[in-house]
Protein backbone atom coordinates (compact mmCIF):
# COMPACT_ATOMS: atom_id res chain seq x y z
CA MET A 1 116.94 102.47 74.54
CA SER A 2 113.48 102.09 73.09
CA LYS A 3 110.63 101.45 74.71
CA THR A 4 110.20 98.27 71.95
CA SER A 5 113.88 97.19 73.37
CA LYS A 6 113.66 92.97 74.00
CA ILE A 7 114.50 93.33 77.44
CA TYR A 8 115.34 89.62 79.20
CA ILE A 9 114.82 89.58 82.96
CA ALA A 10 116.51 86.57 84.54
CA GLY A 11 113.87 85.66 87.71
CA HIS A 12 111.11 87.00 86.44
CA LYS A 13 109.00 85.44 88.91
CA GLY A 14 111.76 86.62 92.31
CA MET A 15 111.11 89.46 94.31
CA VAL A 16 113.42 91.56 92.02
CA GLY A 17 112.62 90.77 88.82
CA SER A 18 108.74 90.92 89.16
CA ALA A 19 109.49 94.11 90.66
CA ALA A 20 111.71 95.19 87.54
CA TRP A 21 108.71 94.36 85.40
CA ARG A 22 106.24 96.27 86.91
CA ALA A 23 108.36 98.89 86.77
CA LEU A 24 109.58 98.67 83.61
CA GLU A 25 105.93 98.14 82.47
CA ALA A 26 105.13 100.74 83.71
CA LYS A 27 107.32 103.25 81.70
CA GLY A 28 106.33 101.87 78.72
CA TYR A 29 108.77 99.12 77.97
CA SER A 30 106.58 96.53 75.80
CA ASN A 31 108.78 94.30 74.74
CA LEU A 32 110.17 92.09 78.31
CA ILE A 33 110.30 88.78 78.29
CA GLY A 34 111.02 85.81 80.48
CA LYS A 35 111.21 81.93 81.18
CA THR A 36 110.19 79.92 84.98
CA LYS A 37 113.10 77.66 86.01
CA LYS A 38 110.97 74.81 84.67
CA GLU A 39 111.06 76.57 80.82
CA LEU A 40 114.82 77.59 81.61
CA ASP A 41 117.22 76.25 83.88
CA LEU A 42 119.81 78.57 84.57
CA ARG A 43 122.34 76.33 85.89
CA ASN A 44 122.46 74.74 82.15
CA GLN A 45 124.85 76.41 79.54
CA LYS A 46 123.66 74.92 76.65
CA ALA A 47 120.06 75.61 77.42
CA VAL A 48 121.11 79.20 78.34
CA VAL A 49 122.83 79.96 75.59
CA ASP A 50 120.33 78.72 72.99
CA PHE A 51 117.81 80.86 74.86
CA ILE A 52 120.17 84.12 74.02
CA ASN A 53 121.05 83.08 71.00
CA ASN A 54 117.46 82.83 69.94
CA GLU A 55 116.37 85.92 71.20
CA GLN A 56 118.49 88.45 70.61
CA PRO A 57 117.91 90.94 73.57
CA ASP A 58 118.81 93.54 73.69
CA ILE A 59 119.21 94.59 77.61
CA ILE A 60 119.87 91.41 80.16
CA ILE A 61 118.36 91.99 83.82
CA ASP A 62 120.09 88.87 86.02
CA ALA A 63 117.99 88.98 88.95
CA ALA A 64 118.17 85.33 89.36
CA ALA A 65 119.96 83.46 92.25
CA ARG A 66 119.61 81.30 95.11
CA VAL A 67 119.28 83.14 97.43
CA GLY A 68 118.16 82.58 101.56
CA GLY A 69 119.11 83.63 105.03
CA ILE A 70 121.65 82.92 107.50
CA LEU A 71 120.22 79.40 108.20
CA ALA A 72 119.82 78.47 104.53
CA ASN A 73 123.17 79.96 103.91
CA SER A 74 124.87 77.67 106.83
CA GLU A 75 123.43 74.70 106.09
CA ASN A 76 123.62 74.85 102.19
CA PRO A 77 127.31 76.54 101.21
CA TYR A 78 128.00 74.99 98.32
CA LEU A 79 124.99 75.20 96.86
CA PHE A 80 125.14 78.92 97.39
CA LEU A 81 127.75 79.64 96.01
CA MET A 82 127.50 76.43 92.91
CA GLU A 83 124.67 77.83 91.56
CA ASN A 84 125.02 81.27 91.49
CA LEU A 85 128.50 80.92 90.30
CA GLN A 86 126.46 78.56 87.28
CA ILE A 87 123.48 80.72 86.86
CA GLN A 88 125.50 84.60 86.08
CA ASN A 89 128.76 82.70 84.24
CA ASN A 90 126.07 81.03 81.65
CA LEU A 91 123.90 84.25 81.76
CA ILE A 92 126.96 86.57 81.51
CA ASP A 93 129.40 84.70 78.99
CA ALA A 94 125.93 83.86 76.45
CA ALA A 95 125.43 87.80 76.81
CA HIS A 96 128.77 88.64 76.14
CA LYS A 97 129.15 86.21 73.30
CA ALA A 98 125.89 87.01 71.51
CA GLU A 99 126.79 90.76 71.51
CA VAL A 100 123.89 92.00 74.22
CA GLN A 101 124.31 95.46 74.48
CA LYS A 102 123.68 95.67 78.22
CA PHE A 103 123.52 94.15 80.67
CA ILE A 104 122.71 95.06 84.69
CA PHE A 105 123.84 91.98 87.13
CA LEU A 106 122.99 92.61 90.74
CA GLY A 107 124.29 91.33 93.75
CA SER A 108 124.04 92.36 97.50
CA SER A 109 125.88 94.40 100.14
CA CYS A 110 127.02 90.95 101.47
CA ILE A 111 130.27 91.29 98.83
CA TYR A 112 132.21 93.53 100.95
CA PRO A 113 134.26 92.96 103.82
CA LYS A 114 132.67 91.74 107.30
CA PHE A 115 134.49 94.54 109.19
CA ALA A 116 134.56 97.58 106.30
CA PRO A 117 133.95 100.98 107.68
CA GLN A 118 130.91 102.25 107.45
CA PRO A 119 128.95 103.75 105.49
CA LEU A 120 130.55 100.85 102.54
CA LYS A 121 131.69 102.36 99.45
CA GLU A 122 132.42 100.46 96.30
CA THR A 123 136.14 100.94 96.88
CA TYR A 124 136.39 98.33 100.14
CA LEU A 125 135.59 95.50 97.79
CA LEU A 126 138.26 92.67 98.72
CA THR A 127 139.90 94.86 101.15
CA ASP A 128 139.44 92.04 103.51
CA SER A 129 137.58 89.07 104.73
CA LEU A 130 133.72 88.49 104.39
CA GLU A 131 131.35 87.69 106.94
CA PRO A 132 131.03 83.63 107.38
CA THR A 133 127.68 82.84 107.58
CA ASN A 134 127.21 84.10 104.02
CA GLN A 135 130.63 83.76 102.44
CA TRP A 136 129.58 80.98 99.45
CA TYR A 137 126.83 83.16 98.11
CA ALA A 138 129.25 86.66 98.29
CA ILE A 139 132.45 84.86 96.66
CA ALA A 140 129.83 84.17 93.84
CA LYS A 141 127.97 87.59 93.05
CA ILE A 142 132.42 89.30 93.51
CA ALA A 143 132.41 86.74 90.59
CA GLY A 144 129.97 88.22 88.89
CA VAL A 145 130.67 91.44 89.30
CA LYS A 146 134.56 90.78 88.34
CA ALA A 147 133.27 89.68 85.25
CA CYS A 148 131.66 92.26 84.19
CA GLU A 149 134.49 94.81 85.22
CA ALA A 150 136.40 92.51 83.57
CA ILE A 151 134.20 92.25 80.36
CA ARG A 152 133.80 96.19 80.46
CA LYS A 153 137.92 96.49 80.90
CA GLN A 154 138.73 94.59 77.59
CA TYR A 155 135.56 94.54 75.21
CA ALA A 156 134.19 98.35 76.54
CA LYS A 157 131.10 96.60 76.65
CA ASP A 158 127.46 98.40 78.92
CA PHE A 159 128.50 95.43 82.14
CA VAL A 160 127.15 97.09 84.83
CA SER A 161 127.01 95.96 88.81
CA LEU A 162 124.19 97.35 91.36
CA MET A 163 124.38 96.83 94.79
CA PRO A 164 121.75 96.40 96.68
CA THR A 165 121.42 96.46 100.67
CA ASN A 166 119.04 94.59 102.57
CA LEU A 167 115.84 94.13 100.29
CA TYR A 168 112.22 93.93 101.28
CA GLY A 169 108.52 94.27 98.93
CA PRO A 170 106.30 92.08 97.08
CA ASN A 171 107.04 88.53 96.40
CA ASP A 172 109.35 88.28 99.13
CA THR A 173 110.12 85.00 100.49
CA PHE A 174 108.56 84.72 103.53
CA ASP A 175 109.97 80.37 104.58
CA LEU A 176 110.94 80.85 108.00
CA LYS A 177 113.69 78.79 106.73
CA ASN A 178 115.06 80.62 103.59
CA SER A 179 113.92 83.85 104.76
CA HIS A 180 115.82 86.93 105.99
CA VAL A 181 114.78 89.04 108.57
CA LEU A 182 112.18 91.47 108.00
CA PRO A 183 109.71 89.02 106.47
CA ALA A 184 110.85 86.51 109.06
CA MET A 185 109.01 88.92 111.66
CA ILE A 186 105.97 90.12 109.26
CA ARG A 187 105.85 86.14 109.63
CA LYS A 188 106.63 85.32 113.27
CA PHE A 189 104.85 88.16 114.83
CA HIS A 190 101.34 87.67 111.84
CA GLU A 191 101.63 84.08 113.98
CA ALA A 192 102.21 85.18 116.75
CA LYS A 193 99.06 87.85 117.12
CA GLU A 194 96.48 85.12 115.74
CA ASN A 195 97.84 82.23 118.67
CA ASN A 196 96.67 84.93 121.40
CA HIS A 197 99.73 87.40 120.79
CA ALA A 198 102.31 84.55 121.75
CA SER A 199 105.89 85.32 122.83
CA VAL A 200 108.31 85.65 119.98
CA THR A 201 111.92 84.67 119.64
CA LEU A 202 114.25 86.39 117.37
CA TRP A 203 118.02 85.58 116.21
CA GLY A 204 121.20 87.04 118.26
CA SER A 205 121.16 90.14 120.51
CA GLY A 206 119.24 92.68 118.37
CA LYS A 207 122.19 95.02 118.70
CA PRO A 208 123.67 94.69 114.99
CA MET A 209 122.69 97.62 112.32
CA ARG A 210 120.92 97.10 109.06
CA GLU A 211 119.74 99.50 105.95
CA PHE A 212 116.52 97.87 104.13
CA LEU A 213 115.53 98.94 101.04
CA HIS A 214 112.05 98.59 99.14
CA VAL A 215 112.19 96.79 96.27
CA ASP A 216 109.91 98.97 93.45
CA ASP A 217 113.50 101.23 94.74
CA LEU A 218 115.17 99.24 93.57
CA ALA A 219 113.32 98.77 90.37
CA GLN A 220 113.95 102.23 89.84
CA ALA A 221 117.19 101.62 89.89
CA ILE A 222 117.53 98.98 87.73
CA VAL A 223 115.10 101.81 84.77
CA PHE A 224 117.72 104.17 85.59
CA ALA A 225 120.67 102.22 84.40
CA VAL A 226 118.33 100.84 81.75
CA GLU A 227 117.87 103.97 80.42
CA ASN A 228 121.64 105.26 80.88
CA VAL A 229 124.84 104.00 80.33
CA LEU A 230 126.37 104.32 83.66
CA PRO A 231 130.36 105.72 83.93
CA ASP A 232 131.28 103.32 86.44
CA TYR A 233 131.36 98.85 86.76
CA LEU A 234 129.73 98.74 90.16
CA TYR A 235 127.19 101.32 92.52
CA ASN A 236 125.71 100.50 95.71
CA VAL A 237 122.28 100.82 96.16
CA GLY A 238 120.82 102.31 99.59
CA THR A 239 118.60 104.47 101.53
CA GLY A 240 121.87 105.98 103.40
CA SER A 241 120.23 105.52 106.78
CA ASP A 242 119.85 102.21 109.40
CA LEU A 243 118.50 101.11 112.18
CA THR A 244 119.04 98.30 114.99
CA ILE A 245 117.56 95.09 114.41
CA LYS A 246 115.80 95.87 117.84
CA ASP A 247 114.43 98.89 116.70
CA LEU A 248 113.40 97.10 113.16
CA ALA A 249 111.21 94.35 115.76
CA GLU A 250 110.25 96.93 117.37
CA THR A 251 108.43 98.48 113.84
CA VAL A 252 107.04 95.39 112.31
CA GLN A 253 105.71 94.30 116.30
CA LYS A 254 103.60 97.89 115.92
CA ILE A 255 102.73 97.87 112.66
CA VAL A 256 101.73 93.87 112.50
CA GLY A 257 100.12 94.79 116.06
CA HIS A 258 101.67 92.04 117.62
CA LYS A 259 101.06 92.89 121.48
CA GLY A 260 103.16 89.99 123.09
CA LYS A 261 106.74 89.47 124.86
CA VAL A 262 109.79 89.61 122.44
CA GLU A 263 112.93 87.42 123.64
CA TRP A 264 116.73 87.18 121.64
CA ASP A 265 118.20 84.38 121.43
CA ALA A 266 121.19 85.50 122.09
CA THR A 267 123.09 81.91 121.09
CA LYS A 268 122.25 82.16 117.42
CA PRO A 269 124.54 84.12 115.01
CA ASP A 270 124.04 88.36 115.04
CA GLY A 271 126.71 88.04 110.93
CA THR A 272 127.99 91.73 110.42
CA PRO A 273 127.38 94.34 113.34
CA ARG A 274 126.64 96.96 110.71
CA LYS A 275 125.46 97.07 106.87
CA LEU A 276 125.15 101.01 105.73
CA MET A 277 125.71 101.26 102.22
CA ASP A 278 127.71 104.84 100.77
CA SER A 279 124.87 105.03 97.16
CA SER A 280 126.28 108.41 96.41
CA LYS A 281 127.49 107.21 93.02
CA LEU A 282 124.65 106.65 92.30
CA LEU A 283 123.06 109.39 94.14
CA GLU A 284 124.80 111.92 92.27
CA LEU A 285 123.76 110.49 88.78
CA GLY A 286 119.90 111.39 89.70
CA TRP A 287 118.39 107.73 91.41
CA LYS A 288 117.73 108.20 94.88
CA ALA A 289 115.00 105.77 97.22
CA SER A 290 111.25 107.45 97.87
CA ILE A 291 109.78 104.79 99.75
CA SER A 292 110.10 104.87 103.54
CA LEU A 293 111.03 101.99 105.82
CA SER A 294 107.47 102.86 107.61
CA ASP A 295 105.48 102.10 104.62
CA GLY A 296 107.28 99.86 103.05
CA ILE A 297 106.63 98.21 105.69
CA LYS A 298 102.87 98.27 105.93
CA THR A 299 102.55 97.24 102.37
CA THR A 300 104.83 94.15 102.15
CA TYR A 301 102.62 93.00 105.60
CA ASN A 302 99.71 93.59 102.74
CA TRP A 303 100.74 92.31 100.61
CA TYR A 304 102.04 89.06 103.10
CA LEU A 305 98.17 88.66 104.46
CA LEU A 306 96.72 88.55 100.97
CA ASN A 307 99.62 85.65 99.77
CA LYS A 308 100.14 84.19 103.01
CA LEU A 309 99.19 80.75 101.91
CA ILE A 310 101.94 80.60 99.17
CA ASN A 311 104.36 81.43 101.67
CA LYS A 312 104.27 78.21 104.10
C-alpha cells in the first residue's frame, strides 16, 4: 500500500476510528475518507453499496459499531445484535463485491467464551457459551469474524479481524448509561471529587480481572495491519497483563484525586470473571503495546476534563 492509497474508516468519529485516523495521518497517509452517521447510514445496505462503488477505496477499516457497557447491552439486546450485524454485513459484502484490496474488521474480546482458559487464545472461539450480559454484541462480532474468514478461505482476499481487549482513551463514551468501566470510573470519581469528595458506588464485587489497552496502541496495530499482509484471519490485540476492577478503581481514584469512600454494589453483575488476551500471534509479527495503564489513564482524564461538557 502506498501513502496515497484510499482508506475508508467506517466510524471515524468514534474512539477507535478517530485513533486510527490520527495514527495513519501521522504516518503520512493522505487519502483518508470518512462519513458521519448523518452522511451515511451504515445500516442501509443500498447506501453502503452505492458509497463503496462510488468511492472505490483500496482499504476499509471497520471501526463502526453500536457499543456500550453491561447496562446498555442488557436493556437493548435486539439493537446490539441487529444493528451490528447490519453495519458489518453491509460493509463486508460491499467491500467483497467491489474488489476492495484489504478489509480490517474490529471486534472485542467478548467474542470468547465466558469461562474460557486464560489467557484467551484465538483458537478458543466458539468452544463454549458466551457471557450472557453482552452475548448479543458478541454474536454479531463473531459473525463478522467468520464472514471475513470465509472470504479469505473462498476468495483468498486480505480480510483480517483484530480483536482488542478493553479499550479506553480520547473520544471514549463517558455517559454513565452507555460507558464501559474505565471511563465510567473517571467520570464518577471526578464528579464525586467536585461534590466535596462524596462517596462513589461501583458495580459488582471488584474481584473480576480485566486487561486494558489504550486506543492509540490499537491504532498502531491497525496501521500494522494496513502495512502488512497478515498470514491468519484473526488476531488478539492486548497488553498481556491485567488487574482486578478494585485495583483499577484505586488507580483511577488516585489519578483523579478523589479522597472519598468507595462502596461496591454486589447486587449488580460482575460479568466475566477474567478476560486476559493472549496476543502472542501479533507480537511475534512485530506489533507491541507501548502505553502504560497509569500514563494512559492520566491522558484520558485530561482529555475528559477538556471535553466533559459533550459527554453529559
